Amino acid sequence: MSAGKFLAGFIVGGALGAIAGVLLAPQEGSKTREMLSDMSKDVAEKTDKTVREIQDKAEDIVSDLQDKGEEIMGKIQDLINKQKVED
């Protein structure tokens, strides 16, 4: 399992557990709605942060792959040029 999927599942599971706890707690409806609103904002912020982190990591990986691809292409071109000179 990838770290991103695990982290997403962890966040969703925690949010669902917190919501269940709030809904089952004995308190006024207005307080419960306020708590749910606050919790949903927190979950949205954490999800946004996690998505940004995953995007940053993906961009780094793509950049590294592009650099390696360019390096390999350069080596192949050098080998082709050497072969042309030898012929």
PDB file of N, CA and C in Angstrom:
ATOM      1  N   MET A   1       0.852  -1.173   0.000  1.00  0.00           N
ATOM      2  CA  MET A   1       0.000   0.000   0.000  1.00  0.00           C
ATOM      3  C   MET A   1       0.894   1.232   0.000  1.00  0.00           C
ATOM      4  N   SER A   2       0.522   2.224  -0.796  1.00  0.00           N
ATOM      5  CA  SER A   2       1.325   3.433  -0.862  1.00  0.00           C
ATOM      6  C   SER A   2       1.086   4.299   0.375  1.00  0.00           C
ATOM      7  N   ALA A   3       2.067   5.138   0.649  1.00  0.00           N
ATOM      8  CA  ALA A   3       1.968   6.021   1.812  1.00  0.00           C
ATOM      9  C   ALA A   3       0.808   7.000   1.649  1.00  0.00           C
ATOM     10  N   GLY A   4       0.567   7.443   0.428  1.00  0.00           N
ATOM     11  CA  GLY A   4      -0.526   8.389   0.184  1.00  0.00           C
ATOM     12  C   GLY A   4      -1.884   7.786   0.491  1.00  0.00           C
ATOM     13  N   LYS A   5      -2.082   6.524   0.066  1.00  0.00           N
ATOM     14  CA  LYS A   5      -3.358   5.861   0.334  1.00  0.00           C
ATOM     15  C   LYS A   5      -3.532   5.617   1.830  1.00  0.00           C
ATOM     16  N   PHE A   6      -2.440   5.223   2.483  1.00  0.00           N
ATOM     17  CA  PHE A   6      -2.512   4.987   3.924  1.00  0.00           C
ATOM     18  C   PHE A   6      -2.874   6.277   4.647  1.00  0.00           C
ATOM     19  N   LEU A   7      -2.196   7.364   4.283  1.00  0.00           N
ATOM     20  CA  LEU A   7      -2.434   8.653   4.925  1.00  0.00           C
ATOM     21  C   LEU A   7      -3.865   9.121   4.686  1.00  0.00           C
ATOM     22  N   ALA A   8      -4.360   8.961   3.473  1.00  0.00           N
ATOM     23  CA  ALA A   8      -5.735   9.359   3.165  1.00  0.00           C
ATOM     24  C   ALA A   8      -6.720   8.529   3.989  1.00  0.00           C
ATOM     25  N   GLY A   9      -6.483   7.220   4.079  1.00  0.00           N
ATOM     26  CA  GLY A   9      -7.358   6.362   4.871  1.00  0.00           C
ATOM     27  C   GLY A   9      -7.314   6.717   6.343  1.00  0.00           C
ATOM     28  N   PHE A  10      -6.128   7.056   6.825  1.00  0.00           N
ATOM     29  CA  PHE A  10      -5.956   7.441   8.226  1.00  0.00           C
ATOM     30  C   PHE A  10      -6.746   8.713   8.526  1.00  0.00           C
ATOM     31  N   ILE A  11      -6.663   9.683   7.639  1.00  0.00           N
ATOM     32  CA  ILE A  11      -7.367  10.956   7.843  1.00  0.00           C
ATOM     33  C   ILE A  11      -8.872  10.743   7.797  1.00  0.00           C
ATOM     34  N   VAL A  12      -9.327   9.998   6.793  1.00  0.00           N
ATOM     35  CA  VAL A  12     -10.771   9.758   6.667  1.00  0.00           C
ATOM     36  C   VAL A  12     -11.285   8.975   7.875  1.00  0.00           C
ATOM     37  N   GLY A  13     -10.545   7.948   8.295  1.00  0.00           N
ATOM     38  CA  GLY A  13     -10.956   7.162   9.463  1.00  0.00           C
ATOM     39  C   GLY A  13     -11.020   7.998  10.721  1.00  0.00           C
ATOM     40  N   GLY A  14     -10.029   8.850  10.901  1.00  0.00           N
ATOM     41  CA  GLY A  14     -10.034   9.729  12.068  1.00  0.00           C
ATOM     42  C   GLY A  14     -11.199  10.697  12.043  1.00  0.00           C
ATOM     43  N   ALA A  15     -11.488  11.224  10.863  1.00  0.00           N
ATOM     44  CA  ALA A  15     -12.606  12.163  10.740  1.00  0.00           C
ATOM     45  C   ALA A  15     -13.930  11.465  11.042  1.00  0.00           C
ATOM     46  N   LEU A  16     -14.106  10.267  10.502  1.00  0.00           N
ATOM     47  CA  LEU A  16     -15.352   9.537  10.751  1.00  0.00           C
ATOM     48  C   LEU A  16     -15.502   9.190  12.230  1.00  0.00           C
ATOM     49  N   GLY A  17     -14.419   8.803  12.867  1.00  0.00           N
ATOM     50  CA  GLY A  17     -14.468   8.501  14.299  1.00  0.00           C
ATOM     51  C   GLY A  17     -14.821   9.723  15.114  1.00  0.00           C
ATOM     52  N   ALA A  18     -14.249  10.857  14.754  1.00  0.00           N
ATOM     53  CA  ALA A  18     -14.537  12.091  15.483  1.00  0.00           C
ATOM     54  C   ALA A  18     -15.992  12.512  15.285  1.00  0.00           C
ATOM     55  N   ILE A  19     -16.485  12.374  14.073  1.00  0.00           N
ATOM     56  CA  ILE A  19     -17.884  12.728  13.798  1.00  0.00           C
ATOM     57  C   ILE A  19     -18.824  11.823  14.591  1.00  0.00           C
ATOM     58  N   ALA A  20     -18.528  10.528  14.605  1.00  0.00           N
ATOM     59  CA  ALA A  20     -19.376   9.599  15.372  1.00  0.00           C
ATOM     60  C   ALA A  20     -19.364   9.965  16.848  1.00  0.00           C
ATOM     61  N   GLY A  21     -18.205  10.330  17.371  1.00  0.00           N
ATOM     62  CA  GLY A  21     -18.112  10.722  18.776  1.00  0.00           C
ATOM     63  C   GLY A  21     -18.928  11.958  19.074  1.00  0.00           C
ATOM     64  N   VAL A  22     -18.900  12.919  18.177  1.00  0.00           N
ATOM     65  CA  VAL A  22     -19.658  14.155  18.374  1.00  0.00           C
ATOM     66  C   VAL A  22     -21.159  13.872  18.309  1.00  0.00           C
ATOM     67  N   LEU A  23     -21.555  13.060  17.342  1.00  0.00           N
ATOM     68  CA  LEU A  23     -22.987  12.772  17.188  1.00  0.00           C
ATOM     69  C   LEU A  23     -23.550  11.976  18.359  1.00  0.00           C
ATOM     70  N   LEU A  24     -22.735  11.168  18.986  1.00  0.00           N
ATOM     71  CA  LEU A  24     -23.202  10.350  20.102  1.00  0.00           C
ATOM     72  C   LEU A  24     -23.052  11.029  21.466  1.00  0.00           C
ATOM     73  N   ALA A  25     -22.377  12.164  21.490  1.00  0.00           N
ATOM     74  CA  ALA A  25     -22.167  12.871  22.756  1.00  0.00           C
ATOM     75  C   ALA A  25     -23.455  13.601  23.168  1.00  0.00           C
ATOM     76  N   PRO A  26     -23.772  13.598  24.459  1.00  0.00           N
ATOM     77  CA  PRO A  26     -24.991  14.281  24.930  1.00  0.00           C
ATOM     78  C   PRO A  26     -24.758  15.788  25.074  1.00  0.00           C
ATOM     79  N   GLN A  27     -25.253  16.546  24.075  1.00  0.00           N
ATOM     80  CA  GLN A  27     -25.152  18.001  24.143  1.00  0.00           C
ATOM     81  C   GLN A  27     -26.216  18.614  23.243  1.00  0.00           C
ATOM     82  N   GLU A  28     -26.329  19.928  23.278  1.00  0.00           N
ATOM     83  CA  GLU A  28     -27.333  20.624  22.484  1.00  0.00           C
ATOM     84  C   GLU A  28     -27.044  20.476  20.996  1.00  0.00           C
ATOM     85  N   GLY A  29     -28.090  20.522  20.199  1.00  0.00           N
ATOM     86  CA  GLY A  29     -27.954  20.408  18.749  1.00  0.00           C
ATOM     87  C   GLY A  29     -27.100  21.506  18.145  1.00  0.00           C
ATOM     88  N   SER A  30     -27.246  22.734  18.652  1.00  0.00           N
ATOM     89  CA  SER A  30     -26.476  23.851  18.100  1.00  0.00           C
ATOM     90  C   SER A  30     -24.983  23.652  18.349  1.00  0.00           C
ATOM     91  N   LYS A  31     -24.646  23.128  19.524  1.00  0.00           N
ATOM     92  CA  LYS A  31     -23.235  22.868  19.822  1.00  0.00           C
ATOM     93  C   LYS A  31     -22.698  21.743  18.939  1.00  0.00           C
ATOM     94  N   THR A  32     -23.524  20.735  18.732  1.00  0.00           N
ATOM     95  CA  THR A  32     -23.113  19.625  17.879  1.00  0.00           C
ATOM     96  C   THR A  32     -22.877  20.114  16.453  1.00  0.00           C
ATOM     97  N   ARG A  33     -23.768  20.928  15.932  1.00  0.00           N
ATOM     98  CA  ARG A  33     -23.605  21.465  14.571  1.00  0.00           C
ATOM     99  C   ARG A  33     -22.350  22.317  14.471  1.00  0.00           C
ATOM    100  N   GLU A  34     -22.094  23.114  15.503  1.00  0.00           N
ATOM    101  CA  GLU A  34     -20.896  23.961  15.505  1.00  0.00           C
ATOM    102  C   GLU A  34     -19.630  23.095  15.512  1.00  0.00           C
ATOM    103  N   MET A  35     -19.641  22.063  16.324  1.00  0.00           N
ATOM    104  CA  MET A  35     -18.481  21.169  16.382  1.00  0.00           C
ATOM    105  C   MET A  35     -18.269  20.458  15.050  1.00  0.00           C
ATOM    106  N   LEU A  36     -19.368  20.004  14.437  1.00  0.00           N
ATOM    107  CA  LEU A  36     -19.253  19.346  13.131  1.00  0.00           C
ATOM    108  C   LEU A  36     -18.716  20.305  12.074  1.00  0.00           C
ATOM    109  N   SER A  37     -19.154  21.541  12.135  1.00  0.00           N
ATOM    110  CA  SER A  37     -18.667  22.548  11.190  1.00  0.00           C
ATOM    111  C   SER A  37     -17.163  22.775  11.370  1.00  0.00           C
ATOM    112  N   ASP A  38     -16.737  22.917  12.610  1.00  0.00           N
ATOM    113  CA  ASP A  38     -15.315  23.115  12.898  1.00  0.00           C
ATOM    114  C   ASP A  38     -14.493  21.910  12.448  1.00  0.00           C
ATOM    115  N   MET A  39     -15.025  20.723  12.735  1.00  0.00           N
ATOM    116  CA  MET A  39     -14.304  19.510  12.368  1.00  0.00           C
ATOM    117  C   MET A  39     -14.194  19.372  10.852  1.00  0.00           C
ATOM    118  N   SER A  40     -15.255  19.718  10.140  1.00  0.00           N
ATOM    119  CA  SER A  40     -15.212  19.596   8.681  1.00  0.00           C
ATOM    120  C   SER A  40     -14.201  20.577   8.092  1.00  0.00           C
ATOM    121  N   LYS A  41     -14.100  21.760   8.682  1.00  0.00           N
ATOM    122  CA  LYS A  41     -13.093  22.727   8.224  1.00  0.00           C
ATOM    123  C   LYS A  41     -11.694  22.194   8.468  1.00  0.00           C
ATOM    124  N   ASP A  42     -11.470  21.590   9.633  1.00  0.00           N
ATOM    125  CA  ASP A  42     -10.165  21.021   9.947  1.00  0.00           C
ATOM    126  C   ASP A  42      -9.803  19.899   8.976  1.00  0.00           C
ATOM    127  N   VAL A  43     -10.765  19.033   8.700  1.00  0.00           N
ATOM    128  CA  VAL A  43     -10.520  17.928   7.775  1.00  0.00           C
ATOM    129  C   VAL A  43     -10.209  18.476   6.382  1.00  0.00           C
ATOM    130  N   ALA A  44     -10.940  19.476   5.946  1.00  0.00           N
ATOM    131  CA  ALA A  44     -10.706  20.066   4.626  1.00  0.00           C
ATOM    132  C   ALA A  44      -9.305  20.668   4.552  1.00  0.00           C
ATOM    133  N   GLU A  45      -8.880  21.354   5.602  1.00  0.00           N
ATOM    134  CA  GLU A  45      -7.545  21.944   5.627  1.00  0.00           C
ATOM    135  C   GLU A  45      -6.460  20.873   5.605  1.00  0.00           C
ATOM    136  N   LYS A  46      -6.642  19.820   6.399  1.00  0.00           N
ATOM    137  CA  LYS A  46      -5.658  18.739   6.440  1.00  0.00           C
ATOM    138  C   LYS A  46      -5.600  18.008   5.101  1.00  0.00           C
ATOM    139  N   THR A  47      -6.750  17.800   4.488  1.00  0.00           N
ATOM    140  CA  THR A  47      -6.795  17.139   3.192  1.00  0.00           C
ATOM    141  C   THR A  47      -6.096  17.981   2.145  1.00  0.00           C
ATOM    142  N   ASP A  48      -6.352  19.274   2.160  1.00  0.00           N
ATOM    143  CA  ASP A  48      -5.706  20.180   1.211  1.00  0.00           C
ATOM    144  C   ASP A  48      -4.190  20.152   1.391  1.00  0.00           C
ATOM    145  N   LYS A  49      -3.743  20.173   2.626  1.00  0.00           N
ATOM    146  CA  LYS A  49      -2.307  20.132   2.916  1.00  0.00           C
ATOM    147  C   LYS A  49      -1.704  18.820   2.416  1.00  0.00           C
ATOM    148  N   THR A  50      -2.388  17.715   2.658  1.00  0.00           N
ATOM    149  CA  THR A  50      -1.890  16.414   2.225  1.00  0.00           C
ATOM    150  C   THR A  50      -1.812  16.345   0.708  1.00  0.00           C
ATOM    151  N   VAL A  51      -2.823  16.853   0.035  1.00  0.00           N
ATOM    152  CA  VAL A  51      -2.826  16.855  -1.432  1.00  0.00           C
ATOM    153  C   VAL A  51      -1.665  17.682  -1.957  1.00  0.00           C
ATOM    154  N   ARG A  52      -1.429  18.834  -1.360  1.00  0.00           N
ATOM    155  CA  ARG A  52      -0.307  19.677  -1.793  1.00  0.00           C
ATOM    156  C   ARG A  52       1.032  18.967  -1.587  1.00  0.00           C
ATOM    157  N   GLU A  53       1.185  18.279  -0.468  1.00  0.00           N
ATOM    158  CA  GLU A  53       2.420  17.544  -0.207  1.00  0.00           C
ATOM    159  C   GLU A  53       2.625  16.428  -1.231  1.00  0.00           C
ATOM    160  N   ILE A  54       1.552  15.717  -1.551  1.00  0.00           N
ATOM    161  CA  ILE A  54       1.650  14.638  -2.542  1.00  0.00           C
ATOM    162  C   ILE A  54       1.984  15.221  -3.918  1.00  0.00           C
ATOM    163  N   GLN A  55       1.378  16.355  -4.260  1.00  0.00           N
ATOM    164  CA  GLN A  55       1.673  16.989  -5.544  1.00  0.00           C
ATOM    165  C   GLN A  55       3.135  17.433  -5.605  1.00  0.00           C
ATOM    166  N   ASP A  56       3.645  17.993  -4.516  1.00  0.00           N
ATOM    167  CA  ASP A  56       5.041  18.418  -4.481  1.00  0.00           C
ATOM    168  C   ASP A  56       5.977  17.231  -4.670  1.00  0.00           C
ATOM    169  N   LYS A  57       5.678  16.123  -3.995  1.00  0.00           N
ATOM    170  CA  LYS A  57       6.507  14.932  -4.140  1.00  0.00           C
ATOM    171  C   LYS A  57       6.444  14.394  -5.562  1.00  0.00           C
ATOM    172  N   ALA A  58       5.254  14.399  -6.151  1.00  0.00           N
ATOM    173  CA  ALA A  58       5.101  13.919  -7.524  1.00  0.00           C
ATOM    174  C   ALA A  58       5.884  14.810  -8.488  1.00  0.00           C
ATOM    175  N   GLU A  59       5.845  16.114  -8.284  1.00  0.00           N
ATOM    176  CA  GLU A  59       6.600  17.026  -9.132  1.00  0.00           C
ATOM    177  C   GLU A  59       8.098  16.773  -9.008  1.00  0.00           C
ATOM    178  N   ASP A  60       8.576  16.514  -7.795  1.00  0.00           N
ATOM    179  CA  ASP A  60       9.989  16.203  -7.590  1.00  0.00           C
ATOM    180  C   ASP A  60      10.382  14.918  -8.322  1.00  0.00           C
ATOM    181  N   ILE A  61       9.524  13.919  -8.248  1.00  0.00           N
ATOM    182  CA  ILE A  61       9.809  12.645  -8.907  1.00  0.00           C
ATOM    183  C   ILE A  61       9.842  12.834 -10.426  1.00  0.00           C
ATOM    184  N   VAL A  62       8.881  13.573 -10.958  1.00  0.00           N
ATOM    185  CA  VAL A  62       8.840  13.817 -12.402  1.00  0.00           C
ATOM    186  C   VAL A  62      10.086  14.577 -12.843  1.00  0.00           C
ATOM    187  N   SER A  63      10.479  15.561 -12.074  1.00  0.00           N
ATOM    188  CA  SER A  63      11.673  16.335 -12.397  1.00  0.00           C
ATOM    189  C   SER A  63      12.919  15.451 -12.393  1.00  0.00           C
ATOM    190  N   ASP A  64      13.038  14.589 -11.385  1.00  0.00           N
ATOM    191  CA  ASP A  64      14.173  13.661 -11.324  1.00  0.00           C
ATOM    192  C   ASP A  64      14.182  12.726 -12.521  1.00  0.00           C
ATOM    193  N   LEU A  65      13.007  12.223 -12.891  1.00  0.00           N
ATOM    194  CA  LEU A  65      12.918  11.329 -14.046  1.00  0.00           C
ATOM    195  C   LEU A  65      13.298  12.055 -15.338  1.00  0.00           C
ATOM    196  N   GLN A  66      12.881  13.296 -15.470  1.00  0.00           N
ATOM    197  CA  GLN A  66      13.248  14.071 -16.661  1.00  0.00           C
ATOM    198  C   GLN A  66      14.757  14.278 -16.721  1.00  0.00           C
ATOM    199  N   ASP A  67      15.368  14.599 -15.587  1.00  0.00           N
ATOM    200  CA  ASP A  67      16.816  14.783 -15.546  1.00  0.00           C
ATOM    201  C   ASP A  67      17.541  13.500 -15.928  1.00  0.00           C
ATOM    202  N   LYS A  68      17.097  12.385 -15.380  1.00  0.00           N
ATOM    203  CA  LYS A  68      17.722  11.097 -15.691  1.00  0.00           C
ATOM    204  C   LYS A  68      17.528  10.750 -17.166  1.00  0.00           C
ATOM    205  N   GLY A  69      16.340  11.035 -17.697  1.00  0.00           N
ATOM    206  CA  GLY A  69      16.075  10.777 -19.111  1.00  0.00           C
ATOM    207  C   GLY A  69      16.985  11.590 -20.005  1.00  0.00           C
ATOM    208  N   GLU A  70      17.188  12.857 -19.669  1.00  0.00           N
ATOM    209  CA  GLU A  70      18.086  13.710 -20.439  1.00  0.00           C
ATOM    210  C   GLU A  70      19.529  13.201 -20.352  1.00  0.00           C
ATOM    211  N   GLU A  71      19.915  12.748 -19.180  1.00  0.00           N
ATOM    212  CA  GLU A  71      21.262  12.206 -18.995  1.00  0.00           C
ATOM    213  C   GLU A  71      21.449  10.964 -19.856  1.00  0.00           C
ATOM    214  N   ILE A  72      20.477  10.088 -19.852  1.00  0.00           N
ATOM    215  CA  ILE A  72      20.551   8.859 -20.653  1.00  0.00           C
ATOM    216  C   ILE A  72      20.580   9.202 -22.139  1.00  0.00           C
ATOM    217  N   MET A  73      19.749  10.142 -22.556  1.00  0.00           N
ATOM    218  CA  MET A  73      19.737  10.548 -23.961  1.00  0.00           C
ATOM    219  C   MET A  73      21.085  11.133 -24.373  1.00  0.00           C
ATOM    220  N   GLY A  74      21.709  11.881 -23.491  1.00  0.00           N
ATOM    221  CA  GLY A  74      23.039  12.429 -23.771  1.00  0.00           C
ATOM    222  C   GLY A  74      24.071  11.325 -23.950  1.00  0.00           C
ATOM    223  N   LYS A  75      24.026  10.318 -23.089  1.00  0.00           N
ATOM    224  CA  LYS A  75      24.962   9.199 -23.198  1.00  0.00           C
ATOM    225  C   LYS A  75      24.732   8.415 -24.484  1.00  0.00           C
ATOM    226  N   ILE A  76      23.464   8.213 -24.841  1.00  0.00           N
ATOM    227  CA  ILE A  76      23.152   7.504 -26.084  1.00  0.00           C
ATOM    228  C   ILE A  76      23.662   8.296 -27.285  1.00  0.00           C
ATOM    229  N   GLN A  77      23.452   9.608 -27.247  1.00  0.00           N
ATOM    230  CA  GLN A  77      23.927  10.451 -28.346  1.00  0.00           C
ATOM    231  C   GLN A  77      25.447  10.397 -28.447  1.00  0.00           C
ATOM    232  N   ASP A  78      26.149  10.389 -27.317  1.00  0.00           N
ATOM    233  CA  ASP A  78      27.608  10.267 -27.322  1.00  0.00           C
ATOM    234  C   ASP A  78      28.034   8.950 -27.954  1.00  0.00           C
ATOM    235  N   LEU A  79      27.364   7.866 -27.599  1.00  0.00           N
ATOM    236  CA  LEU A  79      27.691   6.556 -28.166  1.00  0.00           C
ATOM    237  C   LEU A  79      27.444   6.541 -29.680  1.00  0.00           C
ATOM    238  N   ILE A  80      26.354   7.169 -30.115  1.00  0.00           N
ATOM    239  CA  ILE A  80      26.055   7.237 -31.545  1.00  0.00           C
ATOM    240  C   ILE A  80      27.126   8.035 -32.276  1.00  0.00           C
ATOM    241  N   ASN A  81      27.525   9.142 -31.697  1.00  0.00           N
ATOM    242  CA  ASN A  81      28.558   9.976 -32.303  1.00  0.00           C
ATOM    243  C   ASN A  81      29.892   9.230 -32.373  1.00  0.00           C
ATOM    244  N   LYS A  82      30.256   8.499 -31.326  1.00  0.00           N
ATOM    245  CA  LYS A  82      31.487   7.720 -31.335  1.00  0.00           C
ATOM    246  C   LYS A  82      31.437   6.647 -32.407  1.00  0.00           C
ATOM    247  N   GLN A  83      30.281   6.004 -32.564  1.00  0.00           N
ATOM    248  CA  GLN A  83      30.135   4.961 -33.562  1.00  0.00           C
ATOM    249  C   GLN A  83      30.283   5.541 -34.969  1.00  0.00           C
ATOM    250  N   LYS A  84      29.748   6.746 -35.186  1.00  0.00           N
ATOM    251  CA  LYS A  84      29.858   7.399 -36.495  1.00  0.00           C
ATOM    252  C   LYS A  84      31.317   7.724 -36.809  1.00  0.00           C
ATOM    253  N   VAL A  85      32.060   8.183 -35.816  1.00  0.00           N
ATOM    254  CA  VAL A  85      33.467   8.530 -35.995  1.00  0.00           C
ATOM    255  C   VAL A  85      34.290   7.288 -36.330  1.00  0.00           C
ATOM    256  N   GLU A  86      33.986   6.170 -35.686  1.00  0.00           N
ATOM    257  CA  GLU A  86      34.733   4.933 -35.906  1.00  0.00           C
ATOM    258  C   GLU A  86      34.464   4.348 -37.286  1.00  0.00           C
ATOM    259  N   ASP A  87      33.281   4.606 -37.844  1.00  0.00           N
ATOM    260  CA  ASP A  87      32.936   4.044 -39.154  1.00  0.00           C
ATOM    261  C   ASP A  87      33.581   4.871 -40.205  1.00  0.00           C
TER     262      ASP A  87
END
